[in-house]
Amino acid sequence: MTHLLQDLRYGLRGLARSPGFTAAAVLTLALGIGANTAMFSLVDAVLLRPLPYPHPERLVRVRAVNPEKGQDANLNPLDFADYRRQARSFKDLAAMATPTFSLTGGGEPERVRGALVSSNFFRAFGARPALGRDFQPRDEQPDAEPVVILSKRLWQRRYNSDPGILGKTIVLDDAPVTVVAVLESGFRAPGASEADLPEVWRPFQVKENMGRGGHWLPVFGRLADGVTIRQAQAEMDALARSLEKEHPGSNQGWATSLEDLEESIVGNTRGPLVLLLASVGLVLLIACVNVANLLLARAGSREHEVAVRATLGASASRLLRQLLTESLLLAGLGAAAGLLLAFFATRLLSRLDPEILPRAGEVAMDGRVLAFTLGISGLAAVVFGLVPALRTARGAVLRQGTRTTPGRRLPAALVIAELALALVLLIGAGLLLKSFWRLLRVDPGFRAENLLTATVDLPVSRYGEPHQISRSIKTFSRGRPRCRGSSARPASTSPL
């Protein structure tokens, strides 16, 4: 320990005497370590970390597929009710739709993100209310008293964490509903980002007038104990054929598809993320080669110092330990600066839309990421420091103070390796940019200039029946509003 502290003090003094070299080495390492830390935090959140639910390997996503028409969609509400009633392969079969609600009373009116869920939804995902009770099957009945569960964030933000909120009435979409619970903090709906988390939860009620034509209800299942996905798929196929016979007009050609929930959320992002992680790994390797070249160049100016220490009795192992300690100090400083860069990078990554990058809201700097940073920093110190240290220490002992010109084969080999790695990255980046440019120039089949899309949420209290919705859409579509500030004629306004 005494020798280690001595080496650390000496190494710090040596780095302080060469501020230019130290700054160049630390900045180079910071870019490589920071990029790897940020990318690993992303890969860890998306691919390595299990879903934040109990026994996530038992969770599946249930989809409706029509191979003849090439369609892949969510389930129909009435089909979901039939599957939930008849399927035996699932411990729970739950549904969740995500509308928005107008929240009035108790403060300024606001639009809040909401969710309509089956009564067993929270049980399927292992969530529990922090206050109050969970939804009950009777809450799904059309004549049941309207109830709501608040998110803990909304409870704290709008109602000041009032424990007396249970049993009180709030107004959603101009309809009074009774608060029966406050959901525990930390629960994340599947596939939702931090910005998209529902703040009010209401029971989903299946009604006959919904019809069997639309497939818009996301459905999730928790497999029963001892049941595999293949066995559950076989049962769902049989139930789908039974429904096809009962309702040939709407269910003709429709079947179900079960997919592991994690794979369903990750989608096709696994390959690109692994490729990006490998790319930033090459960036770190290039940074190590750069620093190794800097150390070799610096070794020329330290030959006399090292030779004098060898003459005074320092062994090759003692000199090697001192030089490696300086490399570890450089790696530590580079890791500290890299963590700072990675912190801001992860903040940006966590704000990405989950449709672009699933589970982006879970990207964070935690103990696993810090352990990874520590590991690659130590590895980087060995990679860029070992060869220069061995060369310098061994040469000093052999020369015993004689000044000689160091060979140039090793620096030349490092430069060649650095150029080769950089060329690989350059070719990959060029191909990626070329593909991106081609994607931007794909013809969508229509003129996209000055076109807008919009979503209109209709309050269920006023538009609860299909004919009411159809009438409102016809009334809205007959209007031809002009965009504010636009000189376009009404005939060329943006379609909604």
Protein backbone atom coordinates (compact mmCIF):
# COMPACT_ATOMS: atom_id res chain seq x y z
CA MET A 1 0.00 0.00 0.00
CA THR A 2 2.89 2.37 0.77
CA HIS A 3 4.40 1.75 -2.65
CA LEU A 4 1.01 2.20 -4.30
CA LEU A 5 0.42 5.57 -2.64
CA GLN A 6 3.93 6.60 -3.58
CA ASP A 7 3.32 5.60 -7.20
CA LEU A 8 0.03 7.51 -7.26
CA ARG A 9 1.62 10.69 -5.93
CA TYR A 10 4.50 10.42 -8.35
CA GLY A 11 2.16 9.70 -11.25
CA LEU A 12 -0.03 12.71 -10.45
CA ARG A 13 3.03 14.98 -10.31
CA GLY A 14 4.24 13.59 -13.63
CA LEU A 15 0.89 14.17 -15.33
CA ALA A 16 0.68 17.67 -13.87
CA ARG A 17 4.11 18.48 -15.37
CA SER A 18 2.77 17.59 -18.85
CA PRO A 19 -0.62 19.31 -19.06
CA GLY A 20 -0.79 19.15 -22.85
CA PHE A 21 -0.14 15.42 -22.97
CA THR A 22 -2.53 14.79 -20.06
CA ALA A 23 -5.34 16.84 -21.60
CA ALA A 24 -4.98 15.12 -25.00
CA ALA A 25 -4.93 11.64 -23.46
CA VAL A 26 -7.82 12.28 -21.05
CA LEU A 27 -10.01 13.83 -23.76
CA THR A 28 -9.32 10.96 -26.15
CA LEU A 29 -10.20 8.39 -23.50
CA ALA A 30 -13.24 10.37 -22.36
CA LEU A 31 -14.76 10.24 -25.83
CA GLY A 32 -14.21 6.48 -26.12
CA ILE A 33 -15.29 5.60 -22.57
CA GLY A 34 -18.24 8.02 -22.62
CA ALA A 35 -19.57 6.64 -25.90
CA ASN A 36 -19.26 3.06 -24.65
CA THR A 37 -20.89 3.88 -21.31
CA ALA A 38 -23.85 5.61 -22.96
CA MET A 39 -24.32 2.83 -25.48
CA PHE A 40 -24.04 0.12 -22.83
CA SER A 41 -26.66 1.89 -20.69
CA LEU A 42 -28.94 1.79 -23.72
CA VAL A 43 -28.24 -1.87 -24.53
CA ASP A 44 -28.60 -2.78 -20.85
CA ALA A 45 -32.00 -1.08 -20.58
CA VAL A 46 -33.38 -2.45 -23.85
CA LEU A 47 -31.82 -5.90 -24.23
CA LEU A 48 -30.18 -7.09 -21.01
CA ARG A 49 -32.37 -5.90 -18.17
CA PRO A 50 -35.53 -8.00 -17.64
CA LEU A 51 -38.92 -6.34 -17.82
CA PRO A 52 -39.93 -4.68 -14.53
CA TYR A 53 -42.62 -7.23 -13.72
CA PRO A 54 -42.68 -10.41 -11.61
CA HIS A 55 -41.67 -13.44 -13.70
CA PRO A 56 -41.53 -11.51 -16.99
CA GLU A 57 -40.74 -14.68 -18.94
CA ARG A 58 -44.38 -15.75 -18.41
CA LEU A 59 -45.80 -12.64 -20.10
CA VAL A 60 -46.91 -12.69 -23.74
CA ARG A 61 -48.45 -10.31 -26.22
CA VAL A 62 -51.59 -11.53 -27.99
CA ARG A 63 -52.10 -10.34 -31.57
CA ALA A 64 -54.73 -10.93 -34.23
CA VAL A 65 -53.38 -12.03 -37.60
CA ASN A 66 -55.00 -12.60 -40.98
CA PRO A 67 -52.46 -14.37 -43.23
CA GLU A 68 -54.71 -14.18 -46.29
CA LYS A 69 -54.94 -10.39 -46.09
CA GLY A 70 -51.46 -9.93 -44.66
CA GLN A 71 -52.80 -8.14 -41.57
CA ASP A 72 -51.30 -8.06 -38.08
CA ALA A 73 -53.34 -6.11 -35.53
CA ASN A 74 -54.59 -5.95 -31.97
CA LEU A 75 -57.60 -7.94 -30.82
CA ASN A 76 -61.25 -7.17 -31.21
CA PRO A 77 -62.90 -6.38 -27.82
CA LEU A 78 -65.61 -9.01 -28.21
CA ASP A 79 -63.05 -11.61 -29.30
CA PHE A 80 -60.97 -10.71 -26.24
CA ALA A 81 -63.96 -11.31 -23.99
CA ASP A 82 -64.50 -14.74 -25.56
CA TYR A 83 -60.84 -15.69 -25.27
CA ARG A 84 -60.64 -14.60 -21.65
CA ARG A 85 -63.74 -16.59 -20.78
CA GLN A 86 -62.69 -19.81 -22.56
CA ALA A 87 -58.87 -19.96 -22.52
CA ARG A 88 -57.30 -22.14 -19.83
CA SER A 89 -53.65 -21.66 -20.74
CA PHE A 90 -53.47 -18.23 -19.11
CA LYS A 91 -53.42 -17.27 -15.48
CA ASP A 92 -54.59 -13.84 -16.63
CA LEU A 93 -55.59 -12.43 -19.99
CA ALA A 94 -55.69 -8.64 -19.71
CA ALA A 95 -56.36 -5.71 -22.03
CA MET A 96 -55.33 -2.06 -22.06
CA ALA A 97 -56.38 0.84 -24.29
CA THR A 98 -54.81 4.29 -23.90
CA PRO A 99 -57.18 7.21 -24.53
CA THR A 100 -56.82 10.69 -23.07
CA PHE A 101 -59.30 12.35 -20.71
CA SER A 102 -60.33 15.87 -19.81
CA LEU A 103 -59.84 16.28 -16.06
CA THR A 104 -61.83 19.09 -14.46
CA GLY A 105 -62.55 20.14 -10.92
CA GLY A 106 -60.03 20.54 -8.12
CA GLY A 107 -57.79 22.80 -10.20
CA GLU A 108 -57.23 23.98 -13.74
CA PRO A 109 -58.78 21.80 -16.47
CA GLU A 110 -56.19 19.63 -18.21
CA ARG A 111 -55.82 16.77 -20.63
CA VAL A 112 -54.34 13.71 -18.95
CA ARG A 113 -53.13 10.45 -20.38
CA GLY A 114 -55.35 7.60 -19.34
CA ALA A 115 -55.82 3.87 -19.70
CA LEU A 116 -58.83 1.61 -19.94
CA VAL A 117 -57.83 -1.76 -18.50
CA SER A 118 -59.53 -5.02 -17.68
CA SER A 119 -60.09 -5.69 -13.99
CA ASN A 120 -57.24 -8.23 -13.87
CA PHE A 121 -54.66 -6.02 -15.58
CA PHE A 122 -52.73 -4.98 -12.49
CA ARG A 123 -52.78 -8.51 -11.15
CA ALA A 124 -51.32 -9.80 -14.42
CA PHE A 125 -48.39 -7.38 -14.17
CA GLY A 126 -47.88 -7.67 -10.43
CA ALA A 127 -48.86 -4.09 -9.60
CA ARG A 128 -50.70 -3.09 -6.44
CA PRO A 129 -52.39 0.10 -5.32
CA ALA A 130 -50.50 2.12 -2.73
CA LEU A 131 -53.88 3.24 -1.36
CA GLY A 132 -57.32 1.74 -1.81
CA ARG A 133 -58.45 -1.31 -3.73
CA ASP A 134 -57.80 -2.85 -7.12
CA PHE A 135 -60.43 -3.04 -9.85
CA GLN A 136 -63.01 -5.80 -9.38
CA PRO A 137 -64.85 -7.80 -12.06
CA ARG A 138 -68.07 -5.95 -11.16
CA ASP A 139 -66.42 -2.68 -12.26
CA GLU A 140 -66.50 -3.97 -15.84
CA GLN A 141 -70.28 -4.22 -15.90
CA PRO A 142 -72.04 -1.49 -17.95
CA ASP A 143 -74.30 -0.57 -15.03
CA ALA A 144 -71.43 -0.41 -12.48
CA GLU A 145 -70.58 2.77 -10.63
CA PRO A 146 -67.83 4.60 -12.60
CA VAL A 147 -64.55 4.38 -10.71
CA VAL A 148 -60.97 5.44 -11.34
CA ILE A 149 -57.47 4.74 -10.05
CA LEU A 150 -55.01 7.63 -9.98
CA SER A 151 -51.30 7.38 -10.64
CA LYS A 152 -49.12 8.38 -7.73
CA ARG A 153 -47.63 11.18 -9.82
CA LEU A 154 -51.04 12.75 -10.51
CA TRP A 155 -52.06 12.24 -6.87
CA GLN A 156 -48.99 14.13 -5.69
CA ARG A 157 -49.08 16.80 -8.39
CA ARG A 158 -52.75 17.73 -8.46
CA TYR A 159 -54.09 16.57 -5.10
CA ASN A 160 -51.05 17.26 -2.89
CA SER A 161 -50.82 13.61 -1.75
CA ASP A 162 -54.14 13.92 0.06
CA PRO A 163 -54.85 10.53 1.73
CA GLY A 164 -58.52 11.47 1.87
CA ILE A 165 -58.80 11.33 -1.93
CA LEU A 166 -60.28 7.82 -1.69
CA GLY A 167 -64.04 7.91 -2.13
CA LYS A 168 -64.03 11.43 -3.55
CA THR A 169 -65.49 12.28 -6.93
CA ILE A 170 -63.53 13.80 -9.81
CA VAL A 171 -64.78 14.73 -13.27
CA LEU A 172 -63.40 12.97 -16.36
CA ASP A 173 -64.82 13.95 -19.75
CA ASP A 174 -67.70 15.78 -18.04
CA ALA A 175 -68.68 12.60 -16.13
CA PRO A 176 -68.25 12.11 -12.35
CA VAL A 177 -66.14 9.14 -11.30
CA THR A 178 -65.16 7.91 -7.84
CA VAL A 179 -61.51 7.51 -6.85
CA VAL A 180 -60.99 4.02 -5.38
CA ALA A 181 -57.19 3.78 -5.32
CA VAL A 182 -53.81 5.38 -5.90
CA LEU A 183 -51.40 3.20 -7.86
CA GLU A 184 -47.97 2.43 -6.45
CA SER A 185 -45.08 4.42 -7.86
CA GLY A 186 -42.69 2.76 -10.27
CA PHE A 187 -45.24 0.80 -12.27
CA ARG A 188 -44.66 1.24 -16.00
CA ALA A 189 -47.25 0.19 -18.54
CA PRO A 190 -45.74 -2.14 -21.18
CA GLY A 191 -44.11 -0.19 -23.99
CA ALA A 192 -44.78 3.24 -22.46
CA SER A 193 -42.10 5.89 -21.98
CA GLU A 194 -41.81 8.12 -18.93
CA ALA A 195 -43.71 10.89 -20.73
CA ASP A 196 -46.48 8.51 -21.88
CA LEU A 197 -47.32 6.88 -18.55
CA PRO A 198 -51.07 6.90 -17.86
CA GLU A 199 -52.17 9.13 -15.00
CA VAL A 200 -55.73 7.86 -14.64
CA TRP A 201 -56.86 4.24 -14.95
CA ARG A 202 -60.45 3.22 -15.62
CA PRO A 203 -62.03 -0.23 -16.01
CA PHE A 204 -62.57 -1.34 -19.60
CA GLN A 205 -66.15 -2.35 -20.33
CA VAL A 206 -66.87 -4.63 -23.28
CA LYS A 207 -70.14 -3.69 -24.99
CA GLU A 208 -72.01 -5.60 -27.67
CA ASN A 209 -72.36 -2.50 -29.82
CA MET A 210 -68.59 -2.42 -30.32
CA GLY A 211 -68.99 -5.01 -33.06
CA ARG A 212 -66.44 -7.54 -34.25
CA GLY A 213 -65.06 -5.64 -37.21
CA GLY A 214 -62.39 -3.52 -35.51
CA HIS A 215 -59.10 -4.83 -34.12
CA TRP A 216 -57.74 -2.11 -31.85
CA LEU A 217 -57.49 -3.51 -28.31
CA PRO A 218 -53.95 -4.40 -27.05
CA VAL A 219 -54.07 -7.67 -25.10
CA PHE A 220 -51.45 -9.26 -22.83
CA GLY A 221 -51.40 -12.63 -21.13
CA ARG A 222 -49.64 -14.30 -18.22
CA LEU A 223 -49.19 -17.98 -18.88
CA ALA A 224 -50.46 -20.46 -16.32
CA ASP A 225 -47.90 -22.43 -14.36
CA GLY A 226 -46.41 -25.23 -16.41
CA VAL A 227 -47.85 -23.98 -19.73
CA THR A 228 -45.50 -23.08 -22.59
CA ILE A 229 -46.12 -20.55 -25.31
CA ARG A 230 -46.48 -23.36 -27.82
CA GLN A 231 -49.22 -25.02 -25.78
CA ALA A 232 -51.04 -21.74 -25.28
CA GLN A 233 -50.75 -21.03 -29.02
CA ALA A 234 -52.35 -24.37 -29.85
CA GLU A 235 -55.31 -23.62 -27.56
CA MET A 236 -55.74 -20.10 -29.00
CA ASP A 237 -55.68 -21.50 -32.53
CA ALA A 238 -58.50 -23.87 -31.63
CA LEU A 239 -60.51 -21.04 -30.04
CA ALA A 240 -59.95 -18.84 -33.10
CA ARG A 241 -61.31 -21.55 -35.39
CA SER A 242 -64.33 -21.90 -33.11
CA LEU A 243 -65.01 -18.15 -33.27
CA GLU A 244 -64.58 -18.25 -37.04
CA LYS A 245 -67.39 -20.78 -37.27
CA GLU A 246 -69.62 -18.80 -34.91
CA HIS A 247 -69.01 -15.45 -36.64
CA PRO A 248 -68.00 -16.19 -40.24
CA GLY A 249 -68.77 -12.70 -41.42
CA SER A 250 -66.30 -10.89 -39.14
CA ASN A 251 -63.83 -13.60 -38.06
CA GLN A 252 -63.20 -15.25 -41.41
CA GLY A 253 -59.44 -15.82 -41.81
CA TRP A 254 -58.52 -14.31 -38.43
CA ALA A 255 -56.27 -16.19 -36.01
CA THR A 256 -54.14 -15.26 -32.99
CA SER A 257 -50.40 -15.03 -32.53
CA LEU A 258 -48.56 -15.22 -29.19
CA GLU A 259 -45.16 -13.57 -28.75
CA ASP A 260 -42.91 -13.19 -25.75
CA LEU A 261 -43.65 -9.75 -24.34
CA GLU A 262 -40.00 -8.72 -24.17
CA GLU A 263 -39.42 -9.72 -27.80
CA SER A 264 -42.61 -7.92 -28.76
CA ILE A 265 -41.39 -4.70 -27.12
CA VAL A 266 -37.79 -4.92 -28.35
CA GLY A 267 -38.86 -5.75 -31.89
CA ASN A 268 -36.17 -5.48 -34.55
CA THR A 269 -33.91 -3.16 -32.56
CA ARG A 270 -31.65 -5.94 -31.24
CA GLY A 271 -29.41 -6.14 -34.31
CA PRO A 272 -28.84 -2.37 -34.73
CA LEU A 273 -28.11 -1.93 -31.01
CA VAL A 274 -25.53 -4.71 -30.98
CA LEU A 275 -23.96 -3.22 -34.10
CA LEU A 276 -23.77 0.22 -32.49
CA LEU A 277 -22.22 -1.25 -29.34
CA ALA A 278 -19.57 -2.96 -31.46
CA SER A 279 -18.93 0.30 -33.32
CA VAL A 280 -18.33 2.33 -30.16
CA GLY A 281 -16.11 -0.52 -28.97
CA LEU A 282 -13.94 0.13 -32.03
CA VAL A 283 -13.95 3.83 -31.16
CA LEU A 284 -12.57 2.98 -27.71
CA LEU A 285 -9.95 0.72 -29.27
CA ILE A 286 -8.87 3.56 -31.56
CA ALA A 287 -8.69 5.86 -28.53
CA CYS A 288 -6.45 3.32 -26.75
CA VAL A 289 -4.13 3.12 -29.75
CA ASN A 290 -3.98 6.92 -29.83
CA VAL A 291 -3.03 7.11 -26.16
CA ALA A 292 -0.47 4.31 -26.62
CA ASN A 293 1.16 6.38 -29.36
CA LEU A 294 1.19 9.41 -27.06
CA LEU A 295 2.82 7.34 -24.32
CA LEU A 296 5.47 6.04 -26.71
CA ALA A 297 6.20 9.58 -27.85
CA ARG A 298 6.43 10.71 -24.24
CA ALA A 299 8.72 7.80 -23.40
CA GLY A 300 11.44 9.36 -25.54
CA SER A 301 11.55 12.42 -23.31
CA ARG A 302 11.58 10.27 -20.16
CA GLU A 303 14.39 7.92 -21.19
CA HIS A 304 16.98 9.67 -19.08
CA GLU A 305 14.68 9.79 -16.02
CA VAL A 306 13.82 6.10 -16.24
CA ALA A 307 17.42 5.12 -16.95
CA VAL A 308 18.64 7.00 -13.87
CA ARG A 309 16.07 5.22 -11.71
CA ALA A 310 17.18 1.88 -13.16
CA THR A 311 20.83 2.75 -12.45
CA LEU A 312 19.97 3.59 -8.85
CA GLY A 313 18.58 0.09 -8.40
CA ALA A 314 14.97 0.14 -9.57
CA SER A 315 14.04 -3.23 -11.03
CA ALA A 316 12.12 -3.68 -14.26
CA SER A 317 9.04 -4.81 -12.33
CA ARG A 318 9.20 -1.72 -10.11
CA LEU A 319 9.46 0.59 -13.14
CA LEU A 320 6.68 -1.32 -14.88
CA ARG A 321 4.39 -0.91 -11.87
CA GLN A 322 5.06 2.83 -11.78
CA LEU A 323 4.32 3.27 -15.48
CA LEU A 324 1.15 1.18 -15.26
CA THR A 325 0.00 3.27 -12.30
CA GLU A 326 0.28 6.36 -14.50
CA SER A 327 -1.79 4.58 -17.15
CA LEU A 328 -4.43 3.74 -14.56
CA LEU A 329 -4.50 7.39 -13.48
CA LEU A 330 -5.05 8.45 -17.09
CA ALA A 331 -7.82 5.86 -17.45
CA GLY A 332 -9.43 7.04 -14.21
CA LEU A 333 -9.42 10.68 -15.33
CA GLY A 334 -10.74 9.65 -18.73
CA ALA A 335 -13.48 7.56 -17.07
CA ALA A 336 -14.53 10.50 -14.88
CA ALA A 337 -14.80 12.79 -17.90
CA GLY A 338 -16.47 10.00 -19.91
CA LEU A 339 -19.10 9.50 -17.20
CA LEU A 340 -19.94 13.18 -17.40
CA LEU A 341 -20.43 12.91 -21.16
CA ALA A 342 -22.42 9.68 -20.75
CA PHE A 343 -24.69 11.30 -18.15
CA PHE A 344 -25.88 13.93 -20.62
CA ALA A 345 -26.08 11.36 -23.44
CA THR A 346 -28.29 9.05 -21.39
CA ARG A 347 -30.56 11.96 -20.49
CA LEU A 348 -31.12 12.55 -24.20
CA LEU A 349 -31.58 8.84 -24.96
CA SER A 350 -34.18 8.43 -22.21
CA ARG A 351 -36.39 11.02 -23.91
CA LEU A 352 -36.66 9.14 -27.19
CA ASP A 353 -40.10 8.04 -28.32
CA PRO A 354 -40.70 4.35 -27.42
CA GLU A 355 -41.95 3.83 -30.96
CA ILE A 356 -38.44 4.72 -32.13
CA LEU A 357 -36.55 3.04 -29.32
CA PRO A 358 -38.46 0.69 -26.98
CA ARG A 359 -37.79 0.96 -23.23
CA ALA A 360 -35.91 4.22 -23.78
CA GLY A 361 -37.43 5.62 -20.61
CA GLU A 362 -35.55 3.00 -18.57
CA VAL A 363 -32.12 4.19 -19.73
CA ALA A 364 -30.24 5.38 -16.63
CA MET A 365 -26.83 5.51 -14.98
CA ASP A 366 -27.02 2.79 -12.36
CA GLY A 367 -24.65 0.41 -10.63
CA ARG A 368 -24.43 -1.93 -13.60
CA VAL A 369 -23.41 0.90 -15.92
CA LEU A 370 -20.86 2.20 -13.42
CA ALA A 371 -19.40 -1.30 -13.05
CA PHE A 372 -19.15 -1.55 -16.84
CA THR A 373 -17.38 1.82 -16.99
CA LEU A 374 -14.93 0.72 -14.31
CA GLY A 375 -14.26 -2.50 -16.18
CA ILE A 376 -13.61 -0.93 -19.58
CA SER A 377 -11.48 1.78 -17.96
CA GLY A 378 -9.24 -0.83 -16.38
CA LEU A 379 -9.12 -2.78 -19.64
CA ALA A 380 -8.30 0.39 -21.56
CA ALA A 381 -5.46 1.16 -19.13
CA VAL A 382 -3.97 -2.28 -19.77
CA VAL A 383 -4.45 -2.03 -23.55
CA PHE A 384 -2.83 1.37 -24.04
CA GLY A 385 -0.38 1.24 -21.13
CA LEU A 386 1.08 -2.24 -20.98
CA VAL A 387 3.11 -2.32 -24.19
CA PRO A 388 4.64 1.18 -23.79
CA ALA A 389 5.40 0.45 -20.13
CA LEU A 390 7.07 -2.88 -20.92
CA ARG A 391 9.10 -1.32 -23.69
CA THR A 392 10.24 1.61 -21.56
CA ALA A 393 11.01 -0.35 -18.37
CA ARG A 394 12.84 -3.18 -20.12
CA GLY A 395 14.81 -0.84 -22.34
CA ALA A 396 15.88 1.30 -19.40
CA VAL A 397 17.18 -1.69 -17.45
CA LEU A 398 19.03 -3.09 -20.44
CA ARG A 399 20.64 0.22 -21.32
CA GLN A 400 21.51 1.09 -17.69
CA GLY A 401 21.50 4.79 -18.37
CA THR A 402 22.81 4.75 -21.95
CA ARG A 403 20.76 6.99 -24.22
CA THR A 404 19.73 5.26 -27.43
CA THR A 405 17.19 5.96 -30.05
CA PRO A 406 14.11 3.74 -29.60
CA GLY A 407 12.98 1.57 -32.44
CA ARG A 408 10.20 2.78 -34.64
CA ARG A 409 8.60 -0.52 -35.57
CA LEU A 410 6.10 -0.53 -32.70
CA PRO A 411 4.84 3.07 -33.22
CA ALA A 412 4.50 2.37 -36.93
CA ALA A 413 2.53 -0.80 -36.23
CA LEU A 414 0.21 1.11 -33.87
CA VAL A 415 -0.39 3.79 -36.48
CA ILE A 416 -1.19 1.12 -39.09
CA ALA A 417 -3.62 -0.57 -36.68
CA GLU A 418 -5.26 2.76 -35.87
CA LEU A 419 -5.71 3.59 -39.55
CA ALA A 420 -7.16 0.14 -40.25
CA LEU A 421 -9.72 0.45 -37.44
CA ALA A 422 -10.62 3.99 -38.47
CA LEU A 423 -11.07 2.83 -42.06
CA VAL A 424 -13.49 0.11 -40.94
CA LEU A 425 -15.54 2.66 -38.99
CA LEU A 426 -15.42 5.14 -41.86
CA ILE A 427 -16.71 2.57 -44.35
CA GLY A 428 -19.50 1.51 -41.96
CA ALA A 429 -20.50 5.12 -41.27
CA GLY A 430 -20.51 5.86 -45.00
CA LEU A 431 -22.78 2.90 -45.74
CA LEU A 432 -25.08 3.91 -42.89
CA LEU A 433 -25.34 7.49 -44.16
CA LYS A 434 -25.96 6.25 -47.69
CA SER A 435 -28.80 4.01 -46.45
CA PHE A 436 -30.26 6.87 -44.42
CA TRP A 437 -30.11 9.18 -47.45
CA ARG A 438 -31.93 6.61 -49.56
CA LEU A 439 -34.62 6.21 -46.89
CA LEU A 440 -35.20 9.96 -46.90
CA ARG A 441 -35.67 9.89 -50.65
CA VAL A 442 -38.15 6.99 -50.75
CA ASP A 443 -41.27 8.02 -52.66
CA PRO A 444 -44.27 7.55 -50.29
CA GLY A 445 -46.70 7.67 -53.22
CA PHE A 446 -48.16 11.08 -52.35
CA ARG A 447 -47.03 14.66 -51.89
CA ALA A 448 -46.20 15.08 -48.21
CA GLU A 449 -45.60 18.84 -48.31
CA ASN A 450 -47.94 20.91 -46.10
CA LEU A 451 -49.84 17.82 -44.93
CA LEU A 452 -50.78 17.39 -41.28
CA THR A 453 -52.31 14.61 -39.25
CA ALA A 454 -54.29 15.00 -36.05
CA THR A 455 -56.04 12.84 -33.50
CA VAL A 456 -59.44 13.86 -32.13
CA ASP A 457 -60.41 12.36 -28.76
CA LEU A 458 -64.17 12.34 -28.23
CA PRO A 459 -65.49 12.21 -24.64
CA VAL A 460 -67.21 8.92 -23.94
CA SER A 461 -69.86 10.73 -21.89
CA ARG A 462 -71.05 12.56 -25.00
CA TYR A 463 -70.02 10.14 -27.74
CA GLY A 464 -70.53 6.73 -26.20
CA GLU A 465 -72.51 5.25 -29.09
CA PRO A 466 -71.20 4.51 -32.60
CA HIS A 467 -73.88 6.66 -34.30
CA GLN A 468 -72.85 9.64 -32.16
CA ILE A 469 -69.23 9.21 -33.22
CA SER A 470 -70.19 8.88 -36.89
CA ARG A 471 -72.35 11.99 -36.73
CA SER A 472 -69.59 14.04 -35.12
CA ILE A 473 -67.06 12.91 -37.74
CA LYS A 474 -69.40 13.86 -40.57
CA THR A 475 -70.07 17.23 -38.97
CA PHE A 476 -66.36 17.87 -38.49
CA SER A 477 -65.40 16.75 -42.01
CA ARG A 478 -67.93 19.13 -43.59
CA GLY A 479 -66.07 22.07 -42.04
CA ARG A 480 -63.18 23.39 -44.10
CA PRO A 481 -61.10 25.44 -41.68
CA ARG A 482 -58.14 27.42 -42.92
CA CYS A 483 -54.80 27.03 -41.18
CA ARG A 484 -53.89 30.15 -39.23
CA GLY A 485 -51.27 32.12 -41.06
CA SER A 486 -51.66 30.09 -44.26
CA SER A 487 -52.44 31.62 -47.62
CA ALA A 488 -53.81 28.37 -48.96
CA ARG A 489 -57.36 28.26 -50.21
CA PRO A 490 -59.91 26.19 -48.26
CA ALA A 491 -59.76 23.48 -50.90
CA SER A 492 -56.08 22.89 -50.19
CA THR A 493 -56.06 22.96 -46.39
CA SER A 494 -54.39 20.19 -44.45
CA PRO A 495 -56.53 17.05 -44.23
CA LEU A 496 -57.41 15.86 -40.73
